[in-house]
Amino acid sequence: METQYKVISDWLCLTTKQKARKIESHLNRLSAEGWEFVALDAVMFFGNDVGFYLILKRSFSENPTIQQG
C-alpha cells in the first residue's frame, strides 16, 4: 500500500477563531479528496502563535481490484 503525505502551512492567523476557521476549511476541502488528518503543529513567532502546519495522509492500494462482470 502506497501512502502520500501532504503538509499545508498557513500563516498570519491573528486570532484563534481565524486559525480554527482556516484549519476547518483545509480539512473539509481535503477530506473530500480522501486525505486524512495526521498532525497539527503551531507556528510560533517571538512566543506568539501565528500559524500552523497541517499534516495529512492518503493511502492507495498498489494492486487495484479488477471487477469482473
N, C-alpha and C. Protein backbone atom coordinates (compact mmCIF):
# COMPACT_ATOMS: atom_id res chain seq x y z
N MET A 1 0.84 -1.17 0.00
CA MET A 1 0.00 0.00 0.00
C MET A 1 0.89 1.24 0.00
N GLU A 2 0.62 2.14 -0.91
CA GLU A 2 1.38 3.37 -1.02
C GLU A 2 0.68 4.48 -0.23
N THR A 3 1.48 5.27 0.49
CA THR A 3 0.93 6.37 1.28
C THR A 3 1.57 7.67 0.85
N GLN A 4 0.75 8.66 0.58
CA GLN A 4 1.23 10.01 0.27
C GLN A 4 0.99 10.89 1.49
N TYR A 5 1.89 11.84 1.70
CA TYR A 5 1.73 12.81 2.77
C TYR A 5 1.70 14.21 2.19
N LYS A 6 0.94 15.08 2.82
CA LYS A 6 0.82 16.48 2.39
C LYS A 6 0.97 17.35 3.62
N VAL A 7 1.80 18.38 3.51
CA VAL A 7 1.97 19.35 4.59
C VAL A 7 1.46 20.70 4.09
N ILE A 8 0.54 21.27 4.83
CA ILE A 8 -0.03 22.57 4.50
C ILE A 8 0.40 23.54 5.58
N SER A 9 0.96 24.65 5.16
CA SER A 9 1.31 25.69 6.13
C SER A 9 0.43 26.89 5.89
N ASP A 10 -0.01 27.50 6.96
CA ASP A 10 -0.84 28.69 6.86
C ASP A 10 -0.37 29.67 7.93
N TRP A 11 -0.10 30.88 7.53
CA TRP A 11 0.48 31.88 8.40
C TRP A 11 -0.46 33.05 8.60
N LEU A 12 -0.08 33.92 9.49
CA LEU A 12 -0.80 35.16 9.79
C LEU A 12 -2.21 34.91 10.28
N CYS A 13 -2.33 33.95 11.17
CA CYS A 13 -3.60 33.73 11.88
C CYS A 13 -3.55 34.63 13.10
N LEU A 14 -4.26 35.74 13.04
CA LEU A 14 -4.16 36.75 14.10
C LEU A 14 -5.01 36.43 15.32
N THR A 15 -6.05 35.60 15.14
CA THR A 15 -6.90 35.22 16.27
C THR A 15 -7.09 33.70 16.26
N THR A 16 -7.47 33.17 17.39
CA THR A 16 -7.74 31.74 17.49
C THR A 16 -8.91 31.35 16.59
N LYS A 17 -9.90 32.22 16.53
CA LYS A 17 -11.07 31.97 15.69
C LYS A 17 -10.68 31.87 14.21
N GLN A 18 -9.83 32.76 13.76
CA GLN A 18 -9.37 32.75 12.37
C GLN A 18 -8.57 31.48 12.08
N LYS A 19 -7.73 31.09 13.03
CA LYS A 19 -6.93 29.88 12.88
C LYS A 19 -7.83 28.65 12.78
N ALA A 20 -8.84 28.57 13.63
CA ALA A 20 -9.77 27.43 13.62
C ALA A 20 -10.53 27.36 12.30
N ARG A 21 -10.94 28.51 11.78
CA ARG A 21 -11.67 28.53 10.50
C ARG A 21 -10.79 28.07 9.35
N LYS A 22 -9.53 28.48 9.35
CA LYS A 22 -8.61 28.06 8.30
C LYS A 22 -8.36 26.55 8.35
N ILE A 23 -8.16 26.02 9.56
CA ILE A 23 -7.94 24.58 9.71
C ILE A 23 -9.17 23.82 9.24
N GLU A 24 -10.34 24.26 9.67
CA GLU A 24 -11.59 23.61 9.27
C GLU A 24 -11.78 23.65 7.76
N SER A 25 -11.47 24.75 7.15
CA SER A 25 -11.60 24.89 5.70
C SER A 25 -10.69 23.91 4.97
N HIS A 26 -9.43 23.82 5.39
CA HIS A 26 -8.49 22.88 4.77
C HIS A 26 -8.98 21.44 4.93
N LEU A 27 -9.40 21.09 6.15
CA LEU A 27 -9.83 19.72 6.41
C LEU A 27 -11.08 19.36 5.63
N ASN A 28 -12.05 20.25 5.55
CA ASN A 28 -13.26 19.98 4.79
C ASN A 28 -12.97 19.76 3.31
N ARG A 29 -12.13 20.61 2.75
CA ARG A 29 -11.81 20.52 1.33
C ARG A 29 -11.02 19.25 1.01
N LEU A 30 -10.01 18.97 1.82
CA LEU A 30 -9.12 17.86 1.51
C LEU A 30 -9.67 16.49 1.92
N SER A 31 -10.52 16.43 2.94
CA SER A 31 -11.10 15.15 3.32
C SER A 31 -12.03 14.64 2.22
N ALA A 32 -12.62 15.54 1.46
CA ALA A 32 -13.46 15.15 0.32
C ALA A 32 -12.62 14.48 -0.78
N GLU A 33 -11.33 14.76 -0.80
CA GLU A 33 -10.42 14.16 -1.78
C GLU A 33 -9.72 12.91 -1.24
N GLY A 34 -10.11 12.47 -0.03
CA GLY A 34 -9.54 11.25 0.53
C GLY A 34 -8.38 11.44 1.48
N TRP A 35 -8.05 12.67 1.83
CA TRP A 35 -6.95 12.92 2.76
C TRP A 35 -7.44 12.75 4.19
N GLU A 36 -6.55 12.24 5.06
CA GLU A 36 -6.85 12.02 6.47
C GLU A 36 -5.92 12.85 7.32
N PHE A 37 -6.44 13.37 8.43
CA PHE A 37 -5.66 14.15 9.39
C PHE A 37 -4.61 13.28 10.06
N VAL A 38 -3.37 13.80 10.18
CA VAL A 38 -2.30 13.11 10.90
C VAL A 38 -1.85 13.93 12.10
N ALA A 39 -1.52 15.20 11.86
CA ALA A 39 -1.00 16.03 12.96
C ALA A 39 -1.19 17.51 12.67
N LEU A 40 -1.11 18.29 13.74
CA LEU A 40 -1.20 19.75 13.66
C LEU A 40 -0.11 20.32 14.55
N ASP A 41 0.67 21.25 14.00
CA ASP A 41 1.75 21.85 14.77
C ASP A 41 1.64 23.37 14.66
N ALA A 42 1.76 24.04 15.77
CA ALA A 42 1.66 25.51 15.81
C ALA A 42 2.94 26.15 15.31
N VAL A 43 2.81 27.31 14.68
CA VAL A 43 3.95 28.12 14.26
C VAL A 43 4.05 29.28 15.25
N MET A 44 5.18 29.35 15.92
CA MET A 44 5.39 30.38 16.93
C MET A 44 6.38 31.42 16.42
N PHE A 45 6.12 32.69 16.71
CA PHE A 45 7.00 33.79 16.35
C PHE A 45 7.11 34.70 17.56
N PHE A 46 8.27 34.74 18.16
CA PHE A 46 8.51 35.50 19.39
C PHE A 46 7.48 35.17 20.47
N GLY A 47 7.17 33.89 20.59
CA GLY A 47 6.25 33.43 21.63
C GLY A 47 4.78 33.58 21.30
N ASN A 48 4.46 34.06 20.10
CA ASN A 48 3.06 34.22 19.70
C ASN A 48 2.70 33.16 18.66
N ASP A 49 1.53 32.60 18.81
CA ASP A 49 1.03 31.59 17.88
C ASP A 49 0.47 32.32 16.65
N VAL A 50 1.16 32.22 15.50
CA VAL A 50 0.78 32.99 14.31
C VAL A 50 0.35 32.13 13.13
N GLY A 51 0.39 30.82 13.27
CA GLY A 51 0.03 29.96 12.15
C GLY A 51 0.11 28.50 12.53
N PHE A 52 0.11 27.66 11.51
CA PHE A 52 0.13 26.22 11.77
C PHE A 52 0.65 25.44 10.56
N TYR A 53 1.08 24.23 10.85
CA TYR A 53 1.38 23.21 9.84
C TYR A 53 0.36 22.11 10.03
N LEU A 54 -0.31 21.74 8.97
CA LEU A 54 -1.31 20.68 8.99
C LEU A 54 -0.76 19.53 8.16
N ILE A 55 -0.67 18.34 8.76
CA ILE A 55 -0.11 17.18 8.08
C ILE A 55 -1.23 16.18 7.81
N LEU A 56 -1.33 15.76 6.55
CA LEU A 56 -2.38 14.85 6.11
C LEU A 56 -1.75 13.67 5.37
N LYS A 57 -2.50 12.57 5.28
CA LYS A 57 -2.03 11.42 4.51
C LYS A 57 -3.17 10.85 3.69
N ARG A 58 -2.79 10.15 2.61
CA ARG A 58 -3.75 9.47 1.76
C ARG A 58 -3.11 8.17 1.31
N SER A 59 -3.82 7.07 1.48
CA SER A 59 -3.30 5.75 1.14
C SER A 59 -3.92 5.24 -0.14
N PHE A 60 -3.09 4.55 -0.93
CA PHE A 60 -3.54 3.94 -2.17
C PHE A 60 -3.16 2.47 -2.17
N SER A 61 -3.99 1.66 -2.76
CA SER A 61 -3.69 0.24 -2.92
C SER A 61 -2.79 0.10 -4.14
N GLU A 62 -1.71 -0.68 -4.02
CA GLU A 62 -0.79 -0.88 -5.13
C GLU A 62 -1.41 -1.72 -6.23
N ASN A 63 -2.23 -2.69 -5.84
CA ASN A 63 -2.88 -3.57 -6.81
C ASN A 63 -4.37 -3.30 -6.80
N PRO A 64 -4.83 -2.45 -7.70
CA PRO A 64 -6.27 -2.16 -7.72
C PRO A 64 -7.07 -3.41 -8.05
N THR A 65 -8.20 -3.55 -7.41
CA THR A 65 -9.03 -4.71 -7.66
C THR A 65 -9.68 -4.59 -9.02
N ILE A 66 -9.74 -5.69 -9.72
CA ILE A 66 -10.35 -5.73 -11.04
C ILE A 66 -11.74 -6.30 -10.90
N GLN A 67 -12.71 -5.55 -11.34
CA GLN A 67 -14.08 -6.01 -11.25
C GLN A 67 -14.40 -6.86 -12.47
N GLN A 68 -14.92 -8.04 -12.19
CA GLN A 68 -15.30 -8.92 -13.28
C GLN A 68 -16.81 -8.89 -13.45
N GLY A 69 -17.28 -8.85 -14.70
CA GLY A 69 -18.70 -8.72 -14.97
C GLY A 69 -19.41 -9.95 -15.27
